[in-house]
PDB file of N, CA and C in Angstrom:
ATOM      1  N   MET A   1       7.339   3.662   9.007  1.00  0.00           N
ATOM      2  CA  MET A   1       6.105   4.412   8.987  1.00  0.00           C
ATOM      3  C   MET A   1       4.968   3.409   9.223  1.00  0.00           C
ATOM      4  N   ASN A   2       4.027   3.785  10.087  1.00  0.00           N
ATOM      5  CA  ASN A   2       2.895   2.893  10.314  1.00  0.00           C
ATOM      6  C   ASN A   2       1.679   3.337   9.489  1.00  0.00           C
ATOM      7  N   ILE A   3       0.616   2.544   9.559  1.00  0.00           N
ATOM      8  CA  ILE A   3      -0.575   2.813   8.749  1.00  0.00           C
ATOM      9  C   ILE A   3      -1.173   4.172   9.084  1.00  0.00           C
ATOM     10  N   GLU A   4      -1.231   4.497  10.370  1.00  0.00           N
ATOM     11  CA  GLU A   4      -1.783   5.797  10.797  1.00  0.00           C
ATOM     12  C   GLU A   4      -1.026   6.941  10.131  1.00  0.00           C
ATOM     13  N   GLN A   5       0.291   6.856  10.109  1.00  0.00           N
ATOM     14  CA  GLN A   5       1.118   7.905   9.511  1.00  0.00           C
ATOM     15  C   GLN A   5       0.990   7.947   7.985  1.00  0.00           C
ATOM     16  N   ALA A   6       0.702   6.815   7.377  1.00  0.00           N
ATOM     17  CA  ALA A   6       0.625   6.717   5.911  1.00  0.00           C
ATOM     18  C   ALA A   6      -0.802   6.819   5.385  1.00  0.00           C
ATOM     19  N   LYS A   7      -1.750   7.120   6.246  1.00  0.00           N
ATOM     20  CA  LYS A   7      -3.158   7.139   5.857  1.00  0.00           C
ATOM     21  C   LYS A   7      -3.420   8.040   4.646  1.00  0.00           C
ATOM     22  N   ASN A   8      -2.773   9.200   4.592  1.00  0.00           N
ATOM     23  CA  ASN A   8      -2.984  10.102   3.451  1.00  0.00           C
ATOM     24  C   ASN A   8      -2.451   9.509   2.139  1.00  0.00           C
ATOM     25  N   ILE A   9      -1.340   8.779   2.204  1.00  0.00           N
ATOM     26  CA  ILE A   9      -0.791   8.131   1.008  1.00  0.00           C
ATOM     27  C   ILE A   9      -1.752   7.048   0.532  1.00  0.00           C
ATOM     28  N   LEU A  10      -2.233   6.241   1.468  1.00  0.00           N
ATOM     29  CA  LEU A  10      -3.155   5.159   1.127  1.00  0.00           C
ATOM     30  C   LEU A  10      -4.440   5.705   0.515  1.00  0.00           C
ATOM     31  N   THR A  11      -4.968   6.769   1.106  1.00  0.00           N
ATOM     32  CA  THR A  11      -6.198   7.384   0.598  1.00  0.00           C
ATOM     33  C   THR A  11      -5.995   7.949  -0.807  1.00  0.00           C
ATOM     34  N   ARG A  12      -4.864   8.605  -1.031  1.00  0.00           N
ATOM     35  CA  ARG A  12      -4.577   9.153  -2.370  1.00  0.00           C
ATOM     36  C   ARG A  12      -4.501   8.056  -3.419  1.00  0.00           C
ATOM     37  N   GLN A  13      -3.961   6.902  -3.044  1.00  0.00           N
ATOM     38  CA  GLN A  13      -3.888   5.788  -3.992  1.00  0.00           C
ATOM     39  C   GLN A  13      -5.288   5.302  -4.370  1.00  0.00           C
ATOM     40  N   VAL A  14      -6.192   5.238  -3.384  1.00  0.00           N
ATOM     41  CA  VAL A  14      -7.564   4.801  -3.655  1.00  0.00           C
ATOM     42  C   VAL A  14      -8.243   5.787  -4.600  1.00  0.00           C
ATOM     43  N   ILE A  15      -8.115   7.068  -4.324  1.00  0.00           N
ATOM     44  CA  ILE A  15      -8.789   8.097  -5.119  1.00  0.00           C
ATOM     45  C   ILE A  15      -8.237   8.166  -6.541  1.00  0.00           C
ATOM     46  N   SER A  16      -6.918   8.178  -6.666  1.00  0.00           N
ATOM     47  CA  SER A  16      -6.294   8.352  -7.983  1.00  0.00           C
ATOM     48  C   SER A  16      -6.151   7.044  -8.762  1.00  0.00           C
ATOM     49  N   LYS A  17      -6.227   5.915  -8.053  1.00  0.00           N
ATOM     50  CA  LYS A  17      -5.985   4.597  -8.641  1.00  0.00           C
ATOM     51  C   LYS A  17      -4.602   4.530  -9.286  1.00  0.00           C
ATOM     52  N   ARG A  18      -3.677   5.248  -8.636  1.00  0.00           N
ATOM     53  CA  ARG A  18      -2.273   5.289  -9.066  1.00  0.00           C
ATOM     54  C   ARG A  18      -1.376   5.168  -7.844  1.00  0.00           C
ATOM     55  N   THR A  19      -0.212   4.564  -8.032  1.00  0.00           N
ATOM     56  CA  THR A  19       0.777   4.488  -6.962  1.00  0.00           C
ATOM     57  C   THR A  19       1.489   5.836  -6.872  1.00  0.00           C
ATOM     58  N   PRO A  20       2.260   6.064  -5.794  1.00  0.00           N
ATOM     59  CA  PRO A  20       3.051   7.293  -5.739  1.00  0.00           C
ATOM     60  C   PRO A  20       4.022   7.448  -6.911  1.00  0.00           C
ATOM     61  N   LYS A  21       4.391   6.344  -7.572  1.00  0.00           N
ATOM     62  CA  LYS A  21       5.244   6.405  -8.770  1.00  0.00           C
ATOM     63  C   LYS A  21       4.432   6.660 -10.036  1.00  0.00           C
ATOM     64  N   GLY A  22       3.098   6.749  -9.915  1.00  0.00           N
ATOM     65  CA  GLY A  22       2.249   7.015 -11.067  1.00  0.00           C
ATOM     66  C   GLY A  22       1.765   5.783 -11.807  1.00  0.00           C
ATOM     67  N   ARG A  23       2.086   4.613 -11.311  1.00  0.00           N
ATOM     68  CA  ARG A  23       1.657   3.379 -11.968  1.00  0.00           C
ATOM     69  C   ARG A  23       0.194   3.078 -11.637  1.00  0.00           C
ATOM     70  N   PRO A  24      -0.538   2.459 -12.542  1.00  0.00           N
ATOM     71  CA  PRO A  24      -1.952   2.133 -12.276  1.00  0.00           C
ATOM     72  C   PRO A  24      -2.083   1.060 -11.193  1.00  0.00           C
ATOM     73  N   ILE A  25      -3.183   1.143 -10.457  1.00  0.00           N
ATOM     74  CA  ILE A  25      -3.490   0.155  -9.419  1.00  0.00           C
ATOM     75  C   ILE A  25      -4.718  -0.617  -9.857  1.00  0.00           C
ATOM     76  N   HIS A  26      -4.641  -1.953  -9.871  1.00  0.00           N
ATOM     77  CA  HIS A  26      -5.780  -2.756 -10.300  1.00  0.00           C
ATOM     78  C   HIS A  26      -6.811  -2.891  -9.169  1.00  0.00           C
ATOM     79  N   GLU A  27      -8.003  -3.336  -9.515  1.00  0.00           N
ATOM     80  CA  GLU A  27      -9.140  -3.362  -8.588  1.00  0.00           C
ATOM     81  C   GLU A  27      -8.878  -4.199  -7.341  1.00  0.00           C
ATOM     82  N   GLY A  28      -8.219  -5.325  -7.461  1.00  0.00           N
ATOM     83  CA  GLY A  28      -7.912  -6.156  -6.294  1.00  0.00           C
ATOM     84  C   GLY A  28      -7.033  -5.435  -5.289  1.00  0.00           C
ATOM     85  N   ALA A  29      -6.093  -4.653  -5.780  1.00  0.00           N
ATOM     86  CA  ALA A  29      -5.214  -3.887  -4.901  1.00  0.00           C
ATOM     87  C   ALA A  29      -5.969  -2.722  -4.250  1.00  0.00           C
ATOM     88  N   ILE A  30      -6.933  -2.143  -4.963  1.00  0.00           N
ATOM     89  CA  ILE A  30      -7.778  -1.087  -4.381  1.00  0.00           C
ATOM     90  C   ILE A  30      -8.575  -1.672  -3.215  1.00  0.00           C
ATOM     91  N   GLU A  31      -9.073  -2.889  -3.376  1.00  0.00           N
ATOM     92  CA  GLU A  31      -9.806  -3.560  -2.299  1.00  0.00           C
ATOM     93  C   GLU A  31      -8.899  -3.780  -1.085  1.00  0.00           C
ATOM     94  N   ALA A  32      -7.641  -4.125  -1.319  1.00  0.00           N
ATOM     95  CA  ALA A  32      -6.688  -4.300  -0.222  1.00  0.00           C
ATOM     96  C   ALA A  32      -6.443  -2.969   0.497  1.00  0.00           C
ATOM     97  N   LEU A  33      -6.356  -1.880  -0.266  1.00  0.00           N
ATOM     98  CA  LEU A  33      -6.195  -0.560   0.342  1.00  0.00           C
ATOM     99  C   LEU A  33      -7.406  -0.202   1.204  1.00  0.00           C
ATOM    100  N   ASN A  34      -8.595  -0.437   0.682  1.00  0.00           N
ATOM    101  CA  ASN A  34      -9.809  -0.137   1.438  1.00  0.00           C
ATOM    102  C   ASN A  34      -9.865  -0.962   2.724  1.00  0.00           C
ATOM    103  N   ALA A  35      -9.454  -2.220   2.658  1.00  0.00           N
ATOM    104  CA  ALA A  35      -9.424  -3.067   3.849  1.00  0.00           C
ATOM    105  C   ALA A  35      -8.432  -2.516   4.874  1.00  0.00           C
ATOM    106  N   THR A  36      -7.293  -2.061   4.408  1.00  0.00           N
ATOM    107  CA  THR A  36      -6.284  -1.478   5.300  1.00  0.00           C
ATOM    108  C   THR A  36      -6.829  -0.235   5.984  1.00  0.00           C
ATOM    109  N   LEU A  37      -7.483   0.631   5.228  1.00  0.00           N
ATOM    110  CA  LEU A  37      -8.016   1.870   5.793  1.00  0.00           C
ATOM    111  C   LEU A  37      -9.163   1.623   6.771  1.00  0.00           C
ATOM    112  N   LYS A  38      -9.943   0.589   6.551  1.00  0.00           N
ATOM    113  CA  LYS A  38     -11.070   0.280   7.436  1.00  0.00           C
ATOM    114  C   LYS A  38     -10.645  -0.400   8.732  1.00  0.00           C
ATOM    115  N   ASP A  39      -9.496  -1.060   8.714  1.00  0.00           N
ATOM    116  CA  ASP A  39      -9.049  -1.849   9.865  1.00  0.00           C
ATOM    117  C   ASP A  39      -8.250  -0.986  10.848  1.00  0.00           C
ATOM    118  N   SER A  40      -8.947  -0.132  11.576  1.00  0.00           N
ATOM    119  CA  SER A  40      -8.282   0.809  12.479  1.00  0.00           C
ATOM    120  C   SER A  40      -7.548   0.116  13.632  1.00  0.00           C
ATOM    121  N   LYS A  41      -7.889  -1.128  13.942  1.00  0.00           N
ATOM    122  CA  LYS A  41      -7.193  -1.864  15.009  1.00  0.00           C
ATOM    123  C   LYS A  41      -5.729  -2.116  14.647  1.00  0.00           C
ATOM    124  N   ASN A  42      -5.420  -2.124  13.374  1.00  0.00           N
ATOM    125  CA  ASN A  42      -4.050  -2.421  12.930  1.00  0.00           C
ATOM    126  C   ASN A  42      -3.283  -1.185  12.470  1.00  0.00           C
ATOM    127  N   TYR A  43      -3.752   0.001  12.820  1.00  0.00           N
ATOM    128  CA  TYR A  43      -3.080   1.224  12.387  1.00  0.00           C
ATOM    129  C   TYR A  43      -1.650   1.355  12.911  1.00  0.00           C
ATOM    130  N   GLY A  44      -1.281   0.589  13.917  1.00  0.00           N
ATOM    131  CA  GLY A  44       0.086   0.637  14.441  1.00  0.00           C
ATOM    132  C   GLY A  44       1.071  -0.206  13.644  1.00  0.00           C
ATOM    133  N   ASN A  45       0.578  -1.025  12.733  1.00  0.00           N
ATOM    134  CA  ASN A  45       1.457  -1.872  11.917  1.00  0.00           C
ATOM    135  C   ASN A  45       2.132  -1.066  10.815  1.00  0.00           C
ATOM    136  N   GLU A  46       3.249  -1.601  10.358  1.00  0.00           N
ATOM    137  CA  GLU A  46       4.057  -0.951   9.333  1.00  0.00           C
ATOM    138  C   GLU A  46       3.425  -1.000   7.947  1.00  0.00           C
ATOM    139  N   VAL A  47       3.776  -0.029   7.126  1.00  0.00           N
ATOM    140  CA  VAL A  47       3.447  -0.085   5.705  1.00  0.00           C
ATOM    141  C   VAL A  47       4.749  -0.325   4.950  1.00  0.00           C
ATOM    142  N   VAL A  48       4.614  -0.899   3.767  1.00  0.00           N
ATOM    143  CA  VAL A  48       5.770  -1.137   2.912  1.00  0.00           C
ATOM    144  C   VAL A  48       5.452  -0.602   1.516  1.00  0.00           C
ATOM    145  N   GLN A  49       6.508  -0.369   0.759  1.00  0.00           N
ATOM    146  CA  GLN A  49       6.348   0.124  -0.606  1.00  0.00           C
ATOM    147  C   GLN A  49       7.032  -0.835  -1.562  1.00  0.00           C
ATOM    148  N   CYS A  50       6.341  -1.181  -2.639  1.00  0.00           N
ATOM    149  CA  CYS A  50       6.892  -2.054  -3.661  1.00  0.00           C
ATOM    150  C   CYS A  50       8.033  -1.330  -4.386  1.00  0.00           C
ATOM    151  N   GLU A  51       9.134  -2.016  -4.526  1.00  0.00           N
ATOM    152  CA  GLU A  51      10.293  -1.443  -5.217  1.00  0.00           C
ATOM    153  C   GLU A  51      10.026  -1.256  -6.710  1.00  0.00           C
ATOM    154  N   SER A  52       9.120  -2.042  -7.267  1.00  0.00           N
ATOM    155  CA  SER A  52       8.847  -1.973  -8.689  1.00  0.00           C
ATOM    156  C   SER A  52       7.782  -0.924  -9.030  1.00  0.00           C
ATOM    157  N   CYS A  53       6.543  -1.151  -8.575  1.00  0.00           N
ATOM    158  CA  CYS A  53       5.448  -0.263  -8.984  1.00  0.00           C
ATOM    159  C   CYS A  53       5.218   0.909  -8.035  1.00  0.00           C
ATOM    160  N   GLY A  54       5.757   0.826  -6.811  1.00  0.00           N
ATOM    161  CA  GLY A  54       5.612   1.924  -5.859  1.00  0.00           C
ATOM    162  C   GLY A  54       4.380   1.831  -4.970  1.00  0.00           C
ATOM    163  N   PHE A  55       3.612   0.760  -5.087  1.00  0.00           N
ATOM    164  CA  PHE A  55       2.395   0.576  -4.301  1.00  0.00           C
ATOM    165  C   PHE A  55       2.719   0.554  -2.809  1.00  0.00           C
ATOM    166  N   VAL A  56       1.966   1.323  -2.024  1.00  0.00           N
ATOM    167  CA  VAL A  56       2.145   1.379  -0.572  1.00  0.00           C
ATOM    168  C   VAL A  56       0.967   0.664   0.074  1.00  0.00           C
ATOM    169  N   ILE A  57       1.258  -0.281   0.982  1.00  0.00           N
ATOM    170  CA  ILE A  57       0.208  -1.099   1.591  1.00  0.00           C
ATOM    171  C   ILE A  57       0.692  -1.609   2.950  1.00  0.00           C
ATOM    172  N   SER A  58      -0.251  -2.046   3.769  1.00  0.00           N
ATOM    173  CA  SER A  58       0.071  -2.651   5.065  1.00  0.00           C
ATOM    174  C   SER A  58       0.953  -3.878   4.869  1.00  0.00           C
ATOM    175  N   ILE A  59       1.919  -4.025   5.742  1.00  0.00           N
ATOM    176  CA  ILE A  59       2.805  -5.196   5.689  1.00  0.00           C
ATOM    177  C   ILE A  59       2.015  -6.486   5.903  1.00  0.00           C
ATOM    178  N   LEU A  60       0.852  -6.382   6.555  1.00  0.00           N
ATOM    179  CA  LEU A  60       0.029  -7.560   6.825  1.00  0.00           C
ATOM    180  C   LEU A  60      -0.546  -8.180   5.551  1.00  0.00           C
ATOM    181  N   LEU A  61      -0.586  -7.429   4.461  1.00  0.00           N
ATOM    182  CA  LEU A  61      -1.193  -7.906   3.219  1.00  0.00           C
ATOM    183  C   LEU A  61      -0.165  -8.243   2.135  1.00  0.00           C
ATOM    184  N   THR A  62       1.066  -8.472   2.547  1.00  0.00           N
ATOM    185  CA  THR A  62       2.122  -8.692   1.550  1.00  0.00           C
ATOM    186  C   THR A  62       2.785 -10.064   1.665  1.00  0.00           C
ATOM    187  N   GLN A  63       2.075 -11.051   2.192  1.00  0.00           N
ATOM    188  CA  GLN A  63       2.650 -12.379   2.346  1.00  0.00           C
ATOM    189  C   GLN A  63       3.109 -12.955   1.009  1.00  0.00           C
ATOM    190  N   ASN A  64       2.413 -12.640  -0.060  1.00  0.00           N
ATOM    191  CA  ASN A  64       2.752 -13.154  -1.393  1.00  0.00           C
ATOM    192  C   ASN A  64       3.366 -12.081  -2.286  1.00  0.00           C
ATOM    193  N   GLY A  65       3.968 -11.073  -1.689  1.00  0.00           N
ATOM    194  CA  GLY A  65       4.549  -9.985  -2.457  1.00  0.00           C
ATOM    195  C   GLY A  65       3.575  -8.828  -2.612  1.00  0.00           C
ATOM    196  N   CYS A  66       3.852  -7.952  -3.516  1.00  0.00           N
ATOM    197  CA  CYS A  66       3.024  -6.768  -3.757  1.00  0.00           C
ATOM    198  C   CYS A  66       1.640  -7.179  -4.255  1.00  0.00           C
ATOM    199  N   PRO A  67       0.562  -6.717  -3.583  1.00  0.00           N
ATOM    200  CA  PRO A  67      -0.787  -7.039  -4.052  1.00  0.00           C
ATOM    201  C   PRO A  67      -1.124  -6.423  -5.412  1.00  0.00           C
ATOM    202  N   ASN A  68      -0.341  -5.450  -5.861  1.00  0.00           N
ATOM    203  CA  ASN A  68      -0.612  -4.804  -7.143  1.00  0.00           C
ATOM    204  C   ASN A  68       0.123  -5.465  -8.304  1.00  0.00           C
ATOM    205  N   CYS A  69       1.411  -5.771  -8.128  1.00  0.00           N
ATOM    206  CA  CYS A  69       2.172  -6.319  -9.256  1.00  0.00           C
ATOM    207  C   CYS A  69       2.795  -7.685  -8.976  1.00  0.00           C
ATOM    208  N   GLY A  70       2.798  -8.128  -7.724  1.00  0.00           N
ATOM    209  CA  GLY A  70       3.309  -9.450  -7.394  1.00  0.00           C
ATOM    210  C   GLY A  70       4.790  -9.536  -7.067  1.00  0.00           C
ATOM    211  N   ILE A  71       5.524  -8.472  -7.277  1.00  0.00           N
ATOM    212  CA  ILE A  71       6.960  -8.477  -6.992  1.00  0.00           C
ATOM    213  C   ILE A  71       7.171  -8.648  -5.484  1.00  0.00           C
ATOM    214  N   GLU A  72       8.204  -9.367  -5.094  1.00  0.00           N
ATOM    215  CA  GLU A  72       8.450  -9.623  -3.677  1.00  0.00           C
ATOM    216  C   GLU A  72       9.423  -8.640  -3.040  1.00  0.00           C
ATOM    217  N   GLU A  73       9.971  -7.711  -3.805  1.00  0.00           N
ATOM    218  CA  GLU A  73      10.910  -6.741  -3.251  1.00  0.00           C
ATOM    219  C   GLU A  73      10.143  -5.544  -2.699  1.00  0.00           C
ATOM    220  N   LEU A  74      10.034  -5.512  -1.352  1.00  0.00           N
ATOM    221  CA  LEU A  74       9.295  -4.459  -0.673  1.00  0.00           C
ATOM    222  C   LEU A  74      10.225  -3.739   0.292  1.00  0.00           C
ATOM    223  N   SER A  75       9.976  -2.459   0.494  1.00  0.00           N
ATOM    224  CA  SER A  75      10.839  -1.653   1.344  1.00  0.00           C
ATOM    225  C   SER A  75      10.010  -0.903   2.382  1.00  0.00           C
ATOM    226  N   THR A  76      10.596  -0.692   3.542  1.00  0.00           N
ATOM    227  CA  THR A  76       9.944   0.109   4.567  1.00  0.00           C
ATOM    228  C   THR A  76      10.253   1.600   4.391  1.00  0.00           C
ATOM    229  N   LYS A  77      11.121   1.935   3.433  1.00  0.00           N
ATOM    230  CA  LYS A  77      11.432   3.342   3.130  1.00  0.00           C
ATOM    231  C   LYS A  77      10.392   3.836   2.135  1.00  0.00           C
ATOM    232  N   ILE A  78       9.463   4.645   2.613  1.00  0.00           N
ATOM    233  CA  ILE A  78       8.331   5.097   1.794  1.00  0.00           C
ATOM    234  C   ILE A  78       8.682   6.411   1.101  1.00  0.00           C
ATOM    235  N   ILE A  79       8.516   6.436  -0.219  1.00  0.00           N
ATOM    236  CA  ILE A  79       8.757   7.636  -1.018  1.00  0.00           C
ATOM    237  C   ILE A  79       7.414   8.096  -1.558  1.00  0.00           C
ATOM    238  N   GLU A  80       6.992   9.303  -1.151  1.00  0.00           N
ATOM    239  CA  GLU A  80       5.689   9.809  -1.599  1.00  0.00           C
ATOM    240  C   GLU A  80       5.763  10.360  -3.007  1.00  0.00           C
TER     241      GLU A  80
END
């Protein structure tokens, strides 16, 4: 799934400040979500989901693992 396809998931996370698994999202991760949504040039890139907290984010922002919890186990299989 690319960013364009996941835009509604990303937006819901910003509004609710919760991951699709219901876990809280901290302010730094909200900033990463906002950056992803604003960067329309990269909408063709993949999104990944953290196996632990469920945070969904652009693959471009996961060099150090999940921006929300830090876990490095990320999946391209997105569960809403």
